PDB file of N, CA and C in Angstrom:
ATOM      1  N   MET A   1     208.432 -27.396-135.326  1.00  0.00           N
ATOM      2  CA  MET A   1     208.252 -28.389-136.127  1.00  0.00           C
ATOM      3  C   MET A   1     208.937 -29.450-136.162  1.00  0.00           C
ATOM      4  N   ASN A   2     208.126 -30.740-136.108  1.00  0.00           N
ATOM      5  CA  ASN A   2     209.054 -31.783-136.283  1.00  0.00           C
ATOM      6  C   ASN A   2     210.066 -32.603-137.856  1.00  0.00           C
ATOM      7  N   PHE A   3     211.189 -32.767-137.650  1.00  0.00           N
ATOM      8  CA  PHE A   3     211.625 -33.044-138.797  1.00  0.00           C
ATOM      9  C   PHE A   3     212.272 -34.660-139.105  1.00  0.00           C
ATOM     10  N   PRO A   4     212.098 -35.324-138.907  1.00  0.00           N
ATOM     11  CA  PRO A   4     212.866 -36.884-137.946  1.00  0.00           C
ATOM     12  C   PRO A   4     214.069 -37.472-139.528  1.00  0.00           C
ATOM     13  N   ALA A   5     215.053 -37.589-138.764  1.00  0.00           N
ATOM     14  CA  ALA A   5     216.242 -37.752-139.134  1.00  0.00           C
ATOM     15  C   ALA A   5     216.756 -38.904-140.159  1.00  0.00           C
ATOM     16  N   GLU A   6     216.013 -39.422-139.851  1.00  0.00           N
ATOM     17  CA  GLU A   6     216.117 -41.229-140.449  1.00  0.00           C
ATOM     18  C   GLU A   6     214.898 -41.050-141.910  1.00  0.00           C
ATOM     19  N   LEU A   7     214.036 -39.847-142.183  1.00  0.00           N
ATOM     20  CA  LEU A   7     213.384 -39.828-143.200  1.00  0.00           C
ATOM     21  C   LEU A   7     214.058 -38.571-144.127  1.00  0.00           C
ATOM     22  N   LYS A   8     213.330 -38.486-145.703  1.00  0.00           N
ATOM     23  CA  LYS A   8     214.351 -37.857-147.047  1.00  0.00           C
ATOM     24  C   LYS A   8     212.661 -37.387-146.965  1.00  0.00           C
ATOM     25  N   TYR A   9     213.156 -36.252-147.642  1.00  0.00           N
ATOM     26  CA  TYR A   9     212.171 -35.198-147.998  1.00  0.00           C
ATOM     27  C   TYR A   9     212.504 -34.762-149.268  1.00  0.00           C
ATOM     28  N   THR A  10     210.867 -34.198-150.107  1.00  0.00           N
ATOM     29  CA  THR A  10     211.280 -33.181-151.113  1.00  0.00           C
ATOM     30  C   THR A  10     211.118 -31.811-151.174  1.00  0.00           C
ATOM     31  N   LYS A  11     211.677 -31.187-152.034  1.00  0.00           N
ATOM     32  CA  LYS A  11     211.185 -29.587-152.349  1.00  0.00           C
ATOM     33  C   LYS A  11     209.601 -29.253-152.658  1.00  0.00           C
ATOM     34  N   ASP A  12     208.981 -30.582-152.498  1.00  0.00           N
ATOM     35  CA  ASP A  12     207.434 -30.525-152.362  1.00  0.00           C
ATOM     36  C   ASP A  12     206.474 -30.848-151.715  1.00  0.00           C
ATOM     37  N   HIS A  13     207.609 -30.977-150.448  1.00  0.00           N
ATOM     38  CA  HIS A  13     207.203 -31.333-149.286  1.00  0.00           C
ATOM     39  C   HIS A  13     206.514 -32.329-148.614  1.00  0.00           C
ATOM     40  N   GLU A  14     207.075 -33.455-149.182  1.00  0.00           N
ATOM     41  CA  GLU A  14     206.717 -34.596-149.119  1.00  0.00           C
ATOM     42  C   GLU A  14     207.733 -35.565-148.300  1.00  0.00           C
ATOM     43  N   TRP A  15     207.568 -36.477-147.152  1.00  0.00           N
ATOM     44  CA  TRP A  15     208.246 -37.416-146.041  1.00  0.00           C
ATOM     45  C   TRP A  15     208.847 -38.590-147.606  1.00  0.00           C
ATOM     46  N   VAL A  16     209.402 -39.389-147.201  1.00  0.00           N
ATOM     47  CA  VAL A  16     209.984 -40.609-147.725  1.00  0.00           C
ATOM     48  C   VAL A  16     210.647 -41.557-146.307  1.00  0.00           C
ATOM     49  N   ARG A  17     209.406 -42.670-145.835  1.00  0.00           N
ATOM     50  CA  ARG A  17     210.219 -43.445-145.303  1.00  0.00           C
ATOM     51  C   ARG A  17     210.840 -44.760-146.129  1.00  0.00           C
ATOM     52  N   ILE A  18     212.220 -45.017-145.901  1.00  0.00           N
ATOM     53  CA  ILE A  18     212.410 -46.297-146.876  1.00  0.00           C
ATOM     54  C   ILE A  18     212.533 -47.685-146.279  1.00  0.00           C
ATOM     55  N   GLU A  19     212.064 -48.491-146.771  1.00  0.00           N
ATOM     56  CA  GLU A  19     212.275 -49.746-145.684  1.00  0.00           C
ATOM     57  C   GLU A  19     212.358 -50.961-146.729  1.00  0.00           C
ATOM     58  N   GLY A  20     213.833 -51.397-146.994  1.00  0.00           N
ATOM     59  CA  GLY A  20     214.129 -51.903-148.347  1.00  0.00           C
ATOM     60  C   GLY A  20     213.890 -51.243-149.265  1.00  0.00           C
ATOM     61  N   ASP A  21     213.012 -52.269-149.901  1.00  0.00           N
ATOM     62  CA  ASP A  21     212.539 -51.684-151.819  1.00  0.00           C
ATOM     63  C   ASP A  21     211.419 -51.367-151.689  1.00  0.00           C
ATOM     64  N   VAL A  22     211.274 -50.895-150.455  1.00  0.00           N
ATOM     65  CA  VAL A  22     209.411 -50.014-150.127  1.00  0.00           C
ATOM     66  C   VAL A  22     210.069 -48.686-149.616  1.00  0.00           C
ATOM     67  N   ALA A  23     208.460 -47.814-150.087  1.00  0.00           N
ATOM     68  CA  ALA A  23     208.981 -46.418-149.583  1.00  0.00           C
ATOM     69  C   ALA A  23     207.485 -46.003-149.233  1.00  0.00           C
ATOM     70  N   TYR A  24     207.738 -45.880-148.161  1.00  0.00           N
ATOM     71  CA  TYR A  24     206.038 -45.193-147.835  1.00  0.00           C
ATOM     72  C   TYR A  24     206.041 -43.375-147.214  1.00  0.00           C
ATOM     73  N   VAL A  25     205.365 -42.709-147.788  1.00  0.00           N
ATOM     74  CA  VAL A  25     205.067 -41.687-148.733  1.00  0.00           C
ATOM     75  C   VAL A  25     203.810 -40.779-147.579  1.00  0.00           C
ATOM     76  N   GLY A  26     204.414 -39.647-147.370  1.00  0.00           N
ATOM     77  CA  GLY A  26     202.996 -38.500-146.713  1.00  0.00           C
ATOM     78  C   GLY A  26     203.442 -37.073-146.748  1.00  0.00           C
ATOM     79  N   ILE A  27     202.829 -36.372-146.160  1.00  0.00           N
ATOM     80  CA  ILE A  27     203.599 -34.817-146.044  1.00  0.00           C
ATOM     81  C   ILE A  27     203.789 -34.342-144.960  1.00  0.00           C
ATOM     82  N   THR A  28     204.850 -33.486-145.003  1.00  0.00           N
ATOM     83  CA  THR A  28     205.670 -33.344-143.908  1.00  0.00           C
ATOM     84  C   THR A  28     204.764 -32.388-142.867  1.00  0.00           C
ATOM     85  N   ASP A  29     205.374 -32.368-141.749  1.00  0.00           N
ATOM     86  CA  ASP A  29     204.592 -31.703-140.544  1.00  0.00           C
ATOM     87  C   ASP A  29     204.297 -30.347-141.256  1.00  0.00           C
ATOM     88  N   PHE A  30     205.521 -29.926-141.796  1.00  0.00           N
ATOM     89  CA  PHE A  30     205.727 -28.456-142.203  1.00  0.00           C
ATOM     90  C   PHE A  30     204.651 -28.439-143.883  1.00  0.00           C
ATOM     91  N   ALA A  31     203.920 -29.190-144.313  1.00  0.00           N
ATOM     92  CA  ALA A  31     203.531 -29.213-145.119  1.00  0.00           C
ATOM     93  C   ALA A  31     201.704 -28.677-144.232  1.00  0.00           C
ATOM     94  N   GLN A  32     201.474 -29.723-143.356  1.00  0.00           N
ATOM     95  CA  GLN A  32     200.047 -29.743-142.877  1.00  0.00           C
ATOM     96  C   GLN A  32     200.083 -28.790-142.096  1.00  0.00           C
ATOM     97  N   ARG A  33     200.631 -28.413-141.273  1.00  0.00           N
ATOM     98  CA  ARG A  33     200.970 -26.551-140.944  1.00  0.00           C
ATOM     99  C   ARG A  33     200.286 -25.665-141.580  1.00  0.00           C
ATOM    100  N   GLU A  34     200.809 -26.043-142.955  1.00  0.00           N
ATOM    101  CA  GLU A  34     200.776 -24.383-144.076  1.00  0.00           C
ATOM    102  C   GLU A  34     199.387 -25.064-144.509  1.00  0.00           C
ATOM    103  N   LEU A  35     198.714 -25.893-144.735  1.00  0.00           N
ATOM    104  CA  LEU A  35     197.420 -26.831-145.295  1.00  0.00           C
ATOM    105  C   LEU A  35     196.680 -25.702-144.459  1.00  0.00           C
ATOM    106  N   GLY A  36     196.650 -26.411-143.091  1.00  0.00           N
ATOM    107  CA  GLY A  36     195.490 -26.471-142.068  1.00  0.00           C
ATOM    108  C   GLY A  36     194.796 -27.573-141.733  1.00  0.00           C
ATOM    109  N   ASP A  37     193.762 -27.382-141.569  1.00  0.00           N
ATOM    110  CA  ASP A  37     192.753 -29.201-140.888  1.00  0.00           C
ATOM    111  C   ASP A  37     192.332 -29.354-142.686  1.00  0.00           C
ATOM    112  N   ILE A  38     193.309 -30.709-142.546  1.00  0.00           N
ATOM    113  CA  ILE A  38     192.820 -32.020-143.729  1.00  0.00           C
ATOM    114  C   ILE A  38     191.639 -32.364-143.657  1.00  0.00           C
ATOM    115  N   VAL A  39     190.599 -32.410-144.876  1.00  0.00           N
ATOM    116  CA  VAL A  39     189.180 -32.536-144.508  1.00  0.00           C
ATOM    117  C   VAL A  39     188.995 -33.994-145.650  1.00  0.00           C
ATOM    118  N   TYR A  40     189.909 -34.364-146.324  1.00  0.00           N
ATOM    119  CA  TYR A  40     189.939 -35.331-147.699  1.00  0.00           C
ATOM    120  C   TYR A  40     191.535 -35.732-148.656  1.00  0.00           C
ATOM    121  N   VAL A  41     191.813 -36.683-148.117  1.00  0.00           N
ATOM    122  CA  VAL A  41     193.029 -37.286-149.637  1.00  0.00           C
ATOM    123  C   VAL A  41     192.418 -38.099-150.132  1.00  0.00           C
ATOM    124  N   ASP A  42     192.738 -38.225-151.518  1.00  0.00           N
ATOM    125  CA  ASP A  42     192.538 -38.628-152.633  1.00  0.00           C
ATOM    126  C   ASP A  42     193.467 -39.248-153.633  1.00  0.00           C
ATOM    127  N   ILE A  43     193.456 -40.307-153.066  1.00  0.00           N
ATOM    128  CA  ILE A  43     194.558 -41.298-154.183  1.00  0.00           C
ATOM    129  C   ILE A  43     193.937 -42.130-155.047  1.00  0.00           C
ATOM    130  N   ASP A  44     194.311 -42.147-155.988  1.00  0.00           N
ATOM    131  CA  ASP A  44     193.499 -43.333-156.869  1.00  0.00           C
ATOM    132  C   ASP A  44     194.484 -44.059-158.377  1.00  0.00           C
ATOM    133  N   THR A  45     196.145 -43.828-157.581  1.00  0.00           N
ATOM    134  CA  THR A  45     196.977 -44.356-158.423  1.00  0.00           C
ATOM    135  C   THR A  45     197.116 -46.445-157.837  1.00  0.00           C
ATOM    136  N   LEU A  46     196.132 -46.633-156.897  1.00  0.00           N
ATOM    137  CA  LEU A  46     196.522 -47.630-156.793  1.00  0.00           C
ATOM    138  C   LEU A  46     197.074 -49.125-157.898  1.00  0.00           C
ATOM    139  N   ASP A  47     198.281 -49.582-157.511  1.00  0.00           N
ATOM    140  CA  ASP A  47     198.406 -50.599-159.079  1.00  0.00           C
ATOM    141  C   ASP A  47     198.846 -49.829-159.621  1.00  0.00           C
ATOM    142  N   LYS A  48     199.381 -48.612-159.798  1.00  0.00           N
ATOM    143  CA  LYS A  48     199.507 -47.814-160.978  1.00  0.00           C
ATOM    144  C   LYS A  48     201.094 -47.509-160.595  1.00  0.00           C
ATOM    145  N   ASN A  49     201.614 -47.253-162.056  1.00  0.00           N
ATOM    146  CA  ASN A  49     203.379 -46.611-162.043  1.00  0.00           C
ATOM    147  C   ASN A  49     203.633 -45.749-162.143  1.00  0.00           C
ATOM    148  N   VAL A  50     203.632 -44.920-161.348  1.00  0.00           N
ATOM    149  CA  VAL A  50     203.808 -43.499-161.079  1.00  0.00           C
ATOM    150  C   VAL A  50     205.679 -42.705-161.424  1.00  0.00           C
ATOM    151  N   ALA A  51     205.408 -41.746-161.962  1.00  0.00           N
ATOM    152  CA  ALA A  51     206.970 -41.518-161.931  1.00  0.00           C
ATOM    153  C   ALA A  51     207.181 -40.606-160.741  1.00  0.00           C
ATOM    154  N   LYS A  52     208.820 -40.172-161.163  1.00  0.00           N
ATOM    155  CA  LYS A  52     209.252 -39.106-159.703  1.00  0.00           C
ATOM    156  C   LYS A  52     208.419 -38.138-160.094  1.00  0.00           C
ATOM    157  N   ASP A  53     208.426 -37.003-159.340  1.00  0.00           N
ATOM    158  CA  ASP A  53     207.233 -35.913-159.651  1.00  0.00           C
ATOM    159  C   ASP A  53     205.957 -35.806-160.203  1.00  0.00           C
ATOM    160  N   GLU A  54     205.979 -37.051-160.734  1.00  0.00           N
ATOM    161  CA  GLU A  54     204.613 -37.231-161.048  1.00  0.00           C
ATOM    162  C   GLU A  54     203.625 -36.857-159.784  1.00  0.00           C
ATOM    163  N   VAL A  55     201.957 -36.189-160.904  1.00  0.00           N
ATOM    164  CA  VAL A  55     200.661 -36.444-159.242  1.00  0.00           C
ATOM    165  C   VAL A  55     200.112 -37.479-159.043  1.00  0.00           C
ATOM    166  N   PHE A  56     200.620 -38.058-157.717  1.00  0.00           N
ATOM    167  CA  PHE A  56     199.963 -39.523-157.326  1.00  0.00           C
ATOM    168  C   PHE A  56     198.451 -39.314-156.868  1.00  0.00           C
ATOM    169  N   GLY A  57     198.179 -38.037-156.355  1.00  0.00           N
ATOM    170  CA  GLY A  57     197.063 -37.853-155.519  1.00  0.00           C
ATOM    171  C   GLY A  57     196.964 -36.355-155.066  1.00  0.00           C
ATOM    172  N   THR A  58     195.860 -36.503-154.384  1.00  0.00           N
ATOM    173  CA  THR A  58     195.631 -34.737-153.720  1.00  0.00           C
ATOM    174  C   THR A  58     195.521 -34.540-152.928  1.00  0.00           C
ATOM    175  N   VAL A  59     195.588 -33.627-151.521  1.00  0.00           N
ATOM    176  CA  VAL A  59     195.006 -33.278-150.261  1.00  0.00           C
ATOM    177  C   VAL A  59     194.094 -32.354-150.772  1.00  0.00           C
ATOM    178  N   GLU A  60     192.887 -32.620-149.752  1.00  0.00           N
ATOM    179  CA  GLU A  60     192.145 -31.187-149.666  1.00  0.00           C
ATOM    180  C   GLU A  60     191.538 -30.830-147.844  1.00  0.00           C
ATOM    181  N   ALA A  61     192.234 -29.399-147.956  1.00  0.00           N
ATOM    182  CA  ALA A  61     192.285 -28.713-146.719  1.00  0.00           C
ATOM    183  C   ALA A  61     190.650 -27.440-146.667  1.00  0.00           C
ATOM    184  N   VAL A  62     190.394 -27.327-145.517  1.00  0.00           N
ATOM    185  CA  VAL A  62     189.586 -25.978-145.153  1.00  0.00           C
ATOM    186  C   VAL A  62     189.632 -25.510-146.492  1.00  0.00           C
ATOM    187  N   LYS A  63     190.497 -24.629-146.691  1.00  0.00           N
ATOM    188  CA  LYS A  63     190.861 -23.409-147.778  1.00  0.00           C
ATOM    189  C   LYS A  63     191.182 -23.764-149.222  1.00  0.00           C
ATOM    190  N   THR A  64     191.973 -25.277-149.156  1.00  0.00           N
ATOM    191  CA  THR A  64     192.452 -25.776-150.647  1.00  0.00           C
ATOM    192  C   THR A  64     192.967 -26.697-150.819  1.00  0.00           C
ATOM    193  N   VAL A  65     193.222 -27.168-152.281  1.00  0.00           N
ATOM    194  CA  VAL A  65     193.549 -28.307-152.724  1.00  0.00           C
ATOM    195  C   VAL A  65     194.737 -28.892-153.365  1.00  0.00           C
ATOM    196  N   SER A  66     195.890 -29.150-152.276  1.00  0.00           N
ATOM    197  CA  SER A  66     196.871 -29.683-152.900  1.00  0.00           C
ATOM    198  C   SER A  66     197.542 -30.634-154.036  1.00  0.00           C
ATOM    199  N   ASP A  67     198.348 -31.019-154.875  1.00  0.00           N
ATOM    200  CA  ASP A  67     198.854 -32.345-155.221  1.00  0.00           C
ATOM    201  C   ASP A  67     199.727 -32.579-154.390  1.00  0.00           C
ATOM    202  N   LEU A  68     199.708 -34.176-154.570  1.00  0.00           N
ATOM    203  CA  LEU A  68     200.482 -35.078-153.830  1.00  0.00           C
ATOM    204  C   LEU A  68     201.889 -35.462-154.996  1.00  0.00           C
ATOM    205  N   PHE A  69     202.835 -34.864-154.872  1.00  0.00           N
ATOM    206  CA  PHE A  69     203.479 -35.538-155.766  1.00  0.00           C
ATOM    207  C   PHE A  69     204.732 -36.295-155.207  1.00  0.00           C
ATOM    208  N   SER A  70     205.026 -37.457-156.406  1.00  0.00           N
ATOM    209  CA  SER A  70     205.823 -38.906-156.352  1.00  0.00           C
ATOM    210  C   SER A  70     206.830 -38.645-155.631  1.00  0.00           C
ATOM    211  N   PRO A  71     207.802 -38.698-154.953  1.00  0.00           N
ATOM    212  CA  PRO A  71     209.024 -38.140-154.351  1.00  0.00           C
ATOM    213  C   PRO A  71     209.756 -38.849-155.589  1.00  0.00           C
ATOM    214  N   LEU A  72     209.185 -40.598-156.020  1.00  0.00           N
ATOM    215  CA  LEU A  72     209.897 -41.541-156.234  1.00  0.00           C
ATOM    216  C   LEU A  72     209.081 -42.282-157.787  1.00  0.00           C
ATOM    217  N   SER A  73     209.881 -43.035-158.488  1.00  0.00           N
ATOM    218  CA  SER A  73     209.385 -43.990-159.674  1.00  0.00           C
ATOM    219  C   SER A  73     208.561 -44.806-159.558  1.00  0.00           C
ATOM    220  N   GLY A  74     207.747 -45.708-159.054  1.00  0.00           N
ATOM    221  CA  GLY A  74     207.584 -46.792-158.962  1.00  0.00           C
ATOM    222  C   GLY A  74     205.865 -46.624-158.769  1.00  0.00           C
ATOM    223  N   GLN A  75     205.442 -48.369-158.118  1.00  0.00           N
ATOM    224  CA  GLN A  75     204.490 -48.649-158.471  1.00  0.00           C
ATOM    225  C   GLN A  75     203.373 -48.544-156.731  1.00  0.00           C
ATOM    226  N   VAL A  76     202.262 -47.848-156.926  1.00  0.00           N
ATOM    227  CA  VAL A  76     201.696 -47.609-155.618  1.00  0.00           C
ATOM    228  C   VAL A  76     201.091 -49.050-154.979  1.00  0.00           C
ATOM    229  N   MET A  77     201.394 -49.719-154.108  1.00  0.00           N
ATOM    230  CA  MET A  77     201.590 -50.808-153.691  1.00  0.00           C
ATOM    231  C   MET A  77     200.122 -51.208-152.934  1.00  0.00           C
ATOM    232  N   GLU A  78     200.108 -49.849-152.179  1.00  0.00           N
ATOM    233  CA  GLU A  78     198.998 -49.393-150.867  1.00  0.00           C
ATOM    234  C   GLU A  78     198.513 -47.845-150.554  1.00  0.00           C
ATOM    235  N   ILE A  79     197.513 -47.861-150.360  1.00  0.00           N
ATOM    236  CA  ILE A  79     196.964 -46.409-149.615  1.00  0.00           C
ATOM    237  C   ILE A  79     196.380 -46.702-148.819  1.00  0.00           C
ATOM    238  N   ASN A  80     197.056 -45.924-147.882  1.00  0.00           N
ATOM    239  CA  ASN A  80     196.669 -45.597-146.320  1.00  0.00           C
ATOM    240  C   ASN A  80     194.994 -45.462-146.323  1.00  0.00           C
ATOM    241  N   ASP A  81     194.534 -46.622-145.925  1.00  0.00           N
ATOM    242  CA  ASP A  81     192.333 -46.663-145.826  1.00  0.00           C
ATOM    243  C   ASP A  81     192.149 -46.285-144.586  1.00  0.00           C
ATOM    244  N   LYS A  82     193.294 -46.077-143.026  1.00  0.00           N
ATOM    245  CA  LYS A  82     192.813 -45.328-142.252  1.00  0.00           C
ATOM    246  C   LYS A  82     192.686 -43.738-142.258  1.00  0.00           C
ATOM    247  N   LEU A  83     193.041 -43.388-143.608  1.00  0.00           N
ATOM    248  CA  LEU A  83     192.935 -41.860-144.150  1.00  0.00           C
ATOM    249  C   LEU A  83     191.431 -41.413-144.531  1.00  0.00           C
ATOM    250  N   ASP A  84     190.717 -42.713-144.866  1.00  0.00           N
ATOM    251  CA  ASP A  84     189.061 -42.227-145.676  1.00  0.00           C
ATOM    252  C   ASP A  84     188.470 -41.268-144.658  1.00  0.00           C
ATOM    253  N   GLY A  85     188.659 -42.467-143.358  1.00  0.00           N
ATOM    254  CA  GLY A  85     187.752 -41.999-142.438  1.00  0.00           C
ATOM    255  C   GLY A  85     188.241 -41.026-142.078  1.00  0.00           C
ATOM    256  N   ASN A  86     189.306 -40.733-141.236  1.00  0.00           N
ATOM    257  CA  ASN A  86     190.075 -40.221-140.307  1.00  0.00           C
ATOM    258  C   ASN A  86     190.925 -38.935-141.043  1.00  0.00           C
ATOM    259  N   PRO A  87     191.118 -38.151-142.207  1.00  0.00           N
ATOM    260  CA  PRO A  87     192.295 -37.579-143.029  1.00  0.00           C
ATOM    261  C   PRO A  87     192.772 -36.806-141.703  1.00  0.00           C
ATOM    262  N   GLU A  88     192.318 -36.481-140.840  1.00  0.00           N
ATOM    263  CA  GLU A  88     192.887 -35.798-140.102  1.00  0.00           C
ATOM    264  C   GLU A  88     193.775 -35.944-139.117  1.00  0.00           C
ATOM    265  N   LEU A  89     194.424 -37.645-139.331  1.00  0.00           N
ATOM    266  CA  LEU A  89     195.516 -38.335-139.193  1.00  0.00           C
ATOM    267  C   LEU A  89     197.006 -37.378-138.994  1.00  0.00           C
ATOM    268  N   VAL A  90     196.581 -37.092-141.101  1.00  0.00           N
ATOM    269  CA  VAL A  90     197.946 -36.291-141.106  1.00  0.00           C
ATOM    270  C   VAL A  90     198.151 -34.993-140.752  1.00  0.00           C
ATOM    271  N   ASN A  91     197.217 -34.806-139.927  1.00  0.00           N
ATOM    272  CA  ASN A  91     197.811 -33.262-139.081  1.00  0.00           C
ATOM    273  C   ASN A  91     197.967 -33.730-137.842  1.00  0.00           C
ATOM    274  N   SER A  92     197.417 -34.724-137.114  1.00  0.00           N
ATOM    275  CA  SER A  92     197.773 -35.473-135.886  1.00  0.00           C
ATOM    276  C   SER A  92     198.973 -35.953-135.571  1.00  0.00           C
ATOM    277  N   ASP A  93     199.667 -36.939-137.125  1.00  0.00           N
ATOM    278  CA  ASP A  93     200.327 -37.897-137.334  1.00  0.00           C
ATOM    279  C   ASP A  93     201.104 -37.928-138.341  1.00  0.00           C
ATOM    280  N   ALA A  94     201.497 -36.995-139.096  1.00  0.00           N
ATOM    281  CA  ALA A  94     202.053 -36.869-140.254  1.00  0.00           C
ATOM    282  C   ALA A  94     203.029 -37.919-140.439  1.00  0.00           C
ATOM    283  N   TYR A  95     203.940 -38.483-140.019  1.00  0.00           N
ATOM    284  CA  TYR A  95     205.216 -39.205-140.148  1.00  0.00           C
ATOM    285  C   TYR A  95     204.657 -40.611-139.379  1.00  0.00           C
ATOM    286  N   GLY A  96     203.841 -40.722-138.852  1.00  0.00           N
ATOM    287  CA  GLY A  96     203.067 -41.715-138.324  1.00  0.00           C
ATOM    288  C   GLY A  96     201.856 -42.753-139.197  1.00  0.00           C
ATOM    289  N   ASP A  97     200.651 -42.575-138.647  1.00  0.00           N
ATOM    290  CA  ASP A  97     198.960 -42.950-138.760  1.00  0.00           C
ATOM    291  C   ASP A  97     198.833 -42.282-140.256  1.00  0.00           C
ATOM    292  N   GLY A  98     199.551 -40.971-140.350  1.00  0.00           N
ATOM    293  CA  GLY A  98     199.449 -39.977-141.278  1.00  0.00           C
ATOM    294  C   GLY A  98     199.673 -40.451-142.582  1.00  0.00           C
ATOM    295  N   TRP A  99     200.450 -41.249-142.915  1.00  0.00           N
ATOM    296  CA  TRP A  99     201.218 -41.907-144.382  1.00  0.00           C
ATOM    297  C   TRP A  99     200.181 -41.741-145.526  1.00  0.00           C
ATOM    298  N   MET A 100     200.837 -42.159-146.425  1.00  0.00           N
ATOM    299  CA  MET A 100     199.661 -41.825-147.532  1.00  0.00           C
ATOM    300  C   MET A 100     199.750 -42.662-148.278  1.00  0.00           C
ATOM    301  N   ILE A 101     200.720 -42.941-148.937  1.00  0.00           N
ATOM    302  CA  ILE A 101     200.893 -43.821-150.139  1.00  0.00           C
ATOM    303  C   ILE A 101     202.414 -45.237-149.438  1.00  0.00           C
ATOM    304  N   LYS A 102     202.690 -45.919-150.278  1.00  0.00           N
ATOM    305  CA  LYS A 102     203.363 -47.201-149.698  1.00  0.00           C
ATOM    306  C   LYS A 102     203.206 -47.523-151.181  1.00  0.00           C
ATOM    307  N   MET A 103     205.186 -47.228-151.998  1.00  0.00           N
ATOM    308  CA  MET A 103     205.033 -47.523-153.349  1.00  0.00           C
ATOM    309  C   MET A 103     206.640 -48.635-153.199  1.00  0.00           C
ATOM    310  N   SER A 104     206.315 -49.112-154.027  1.00  0.00           N
ATOM    311  CA  SER A 104     208.021 -49.940-154.881  1.00  0.00           C
ATOM    312  C   SER A 104     208.700 -48.745-155.205  1.00  0.00           C
ATOM    313  N   ILE A 105     210.537 -49.059-155.333  1.00  0.00           N
ATOM    314  CA  ILE A 105     210.974 -48.040-155.642  1.00  0.00           C
ATOM    315  C   ILE A 105     212.022 -48.313-156.946  1.00  0.00           C
ATOM    316  N   ASP A 106     211.481 -48.365-157.610  1.00  0.00           N
ATOM    317  CA  ASP A 106     212.168 -48.963-159.040  1.00  0.00           C
ATOM    318  C   ASP A 106     213.738 -48.821-159.705  1.00  0.00           C
ATOM    319  N   ASN A 107     213.666 -46.845-159.122  1.00  0.00           N
ATOM    320  CA  ASN A 107     215.118 -46.540-159.279  1.00  0.00           C
ATOM    321  C   ASN A 107     216.233 -46.174-157.689  1.00  0.00           C
ATOM    322  N   ALA A 108     216.245 -46.813-157.669  1.00  0.00           N
ATOM    323  CA  ALA A 108     217.331 -46.395-156.556  1.00  0.00           C
ATOM    324  C   ALA A 108     218.388 -45.312-156.400  1.00  0.00           C
ATOM    325  N   SER A 109     218.718 -44.842-157.089  1.00  0.00           N
ATOM    326  CA  SER A 109     219.566 -43.982-157.934  1.00  0.00           C
ATOM    327  C   SER A 109     218.758 -42.524-157.022  1.00  0.00           C
ATOM    328  N   GLU A 110     217.335 -42.475-157.396  1.00  0.00           N
ATOM    329  CA  GLU A 110     216.635 -41.172-157.323  1.00  0.00           C
ATOM    330  C   GLU A 110     216.421 -41.091-155.859  1.00  0.00           C
ATOM    331  N   VAL A 111     216.862 -41.867-155.128  1.00  0.00           N
ATOM    332  CA  VAL A 111     216.394 -41.807-153.553  1.00  0.00           C
ATOM    333  C   VAL A 111     217.766 -40.882-152.747  1.00  0.00           C
ATOM    334  N   GLU A 112     218.929 -40.821-153.695  1.00  0.00           N
ATOM    335  CA  GLU A 112     220.050 -40.082-153.079  1.00  0.00           C
ATOM    336  C   GLU A 112     219.572 -38.925-153.720  1.00  0.00           C
ATOM    337  N   GLU A 113     218.480 -38.502-154.343  1.00  0.00           N
ATOM    338  CA  GLU A 113     218.014 -36.961-154.784  1.00  0.00           C
ATOM    339  C   GLU A 113     217.398 -36.549-153.811  1.00  0.00           C
ATOM    340  N   LEU A 114     216.708 -37.023-153.026  1.00  0.00           N
ATOM    341  CA  LEU A 114     215.968 -36.455-152.324  1.00  0.00           C
ATOM    342  C   LEU A 114     217.002 -36.093-151.087  1.00  0.00           C
ATOM    343  N   LEU A 115     216.445 -34.663-150.112  1.00  0.00           N
ATOM    344  CA  LEU A 115     216.936 -34.197-148.955  1.00  0.00           C
ATOM    345  C   LEU A 115     217.199 -34.857-147.919  1.00  0.00           C
ATOM    346  N   SER A 116     217.882 -34.297-147.094  1.00  0.00           N
ATOM    347  CA  SER A 116     218.032 -34.598-146.000  1.00  0.00           C
ATOM    348  C   SER A 116     217.066 -34.079-144.850  1.00  0.00           C
ATOM    349  N   ALA A 117     217.387 -34.420-143.865  1.00  0.00           N
ATOM    350  CA  ALA A 117     216.289 -33.518-142.615  1.00  0.00           C
ATOM    351  C   ALA A 117     216.851 -31.992-142.874  1.00  0.00           C
ATOM    352  N   GLU A 118     218.219 -31.956-142.623  1.00  0.00           N
ATOM    353  CA  GLU A 118     218.950 -31.111-142.474  1.00  0.00           C
ATOM    354  C   GLU A 118     218.658 -29.695-144.229  1.00  0.00           C
ATOM    355  N   ALA A 119     218.924 -30.621-145.150  1.00  0.00           N
ATOM    356  CA  ALA A 119     218.937 -29.652-146.360  1.00  0.00           C
ATOM    357  C   ALA A 119     217.087 -29.238-146.130  1.00  0.00           C
ATOM    358  N   TYR A 120     216.504 -29.989-145.451  1.00  0.00           N
ATOM    359  CA  TYR A 120     214.662 -30.160-145.730  1.00  0.00           C
ATOM    360  C   TYR A 120     214.438 -28.318-145.019  1.00  0.00           C
ATOM    361  N   LYS A 121     214.760 -28.802-143.281  1.00  0.00           N
ATOM    362  CA  LYS A 121     214.527 -27.347-142.793  1.00  0.00           C
ATOM    363  C   LYS A 121     215.418 -26.283-143.350  1.00  0.00           C
ATOM    364  N   GLU A 122     216.513 -26.169-143.824  1.00  0.00           N
ATOM    365  CA  GLU A 122     216.994 -24.888-144.652  1.00  0.00           C
ATOM    366  C   GLU A 122     215.971 -24.452-145.498  1.00  0.00           C
ATOM    367  N   LEU A 123     215.482 -25.409-146.102  1.00  0.00           N
ATOM    368  CA  LEU A 123     214.377 -25.270-147.296  1.00  0.00           C
ATOM    369  C   LEU A 123     213.331 -24.484-146.845  1.00  0.00           C
ATOM    370  N   VAL A 124     212.885 -24.829-145.927  1.00  0.00           N
ATOM    371  CA  VAL A 124     211.259 -24.375-144.884  1.00  0.00           C
ATOM    372  C   VAL A 124     211.584 -23.030-144.565  1.00  0.00           C
ATOM    373  N   GLY A 125     213.026 -22.717-144.015  1.00  0.00           N
ATOM    374  CA  GLY A 125     214.185 -22.048-143.000  1.00  0.00           C
ATOM    375  C   GLY A 125     213.496 -21.812-141.496  1.00  0.00           C
ATOM    376  N   ALA A 126     213.603 -23.411-141.403  1.00  0.00           N
ATOM    377  CA  ALA A 126     213.422 -23.456-139.965  1.00  0.00           C
ATOM    378  C   ALA A 126     214.617 -23.514-138.977  1.00  0.00           C
TER     379      ALA A 126
END
């Protein structure tokens, strides 16, 4: 399994890539493996403010639907439209083309509460 050191992680299996005052968010390699084949990503929070730990969408796999939890408070600025026709990008490139949302960071101190790659590895027992 892949745990890029430059990313931050949540206990709910989202990853966060910080670029200035913007965060890209997706689900981890561990999460996509647990879910299996992703068949649909449903995110309807574009241009909406979401609070940390609030549901910003869902991801549907063959056997289950899982909520997606916002790792930070901020506004959803962009949804990855590549996922509309290719939800399997979450499986094949979880940390690249499989990103889900781009959001503003309203409270920089929340970034400090996210897990490091090492802490996330321990959480999932890798």
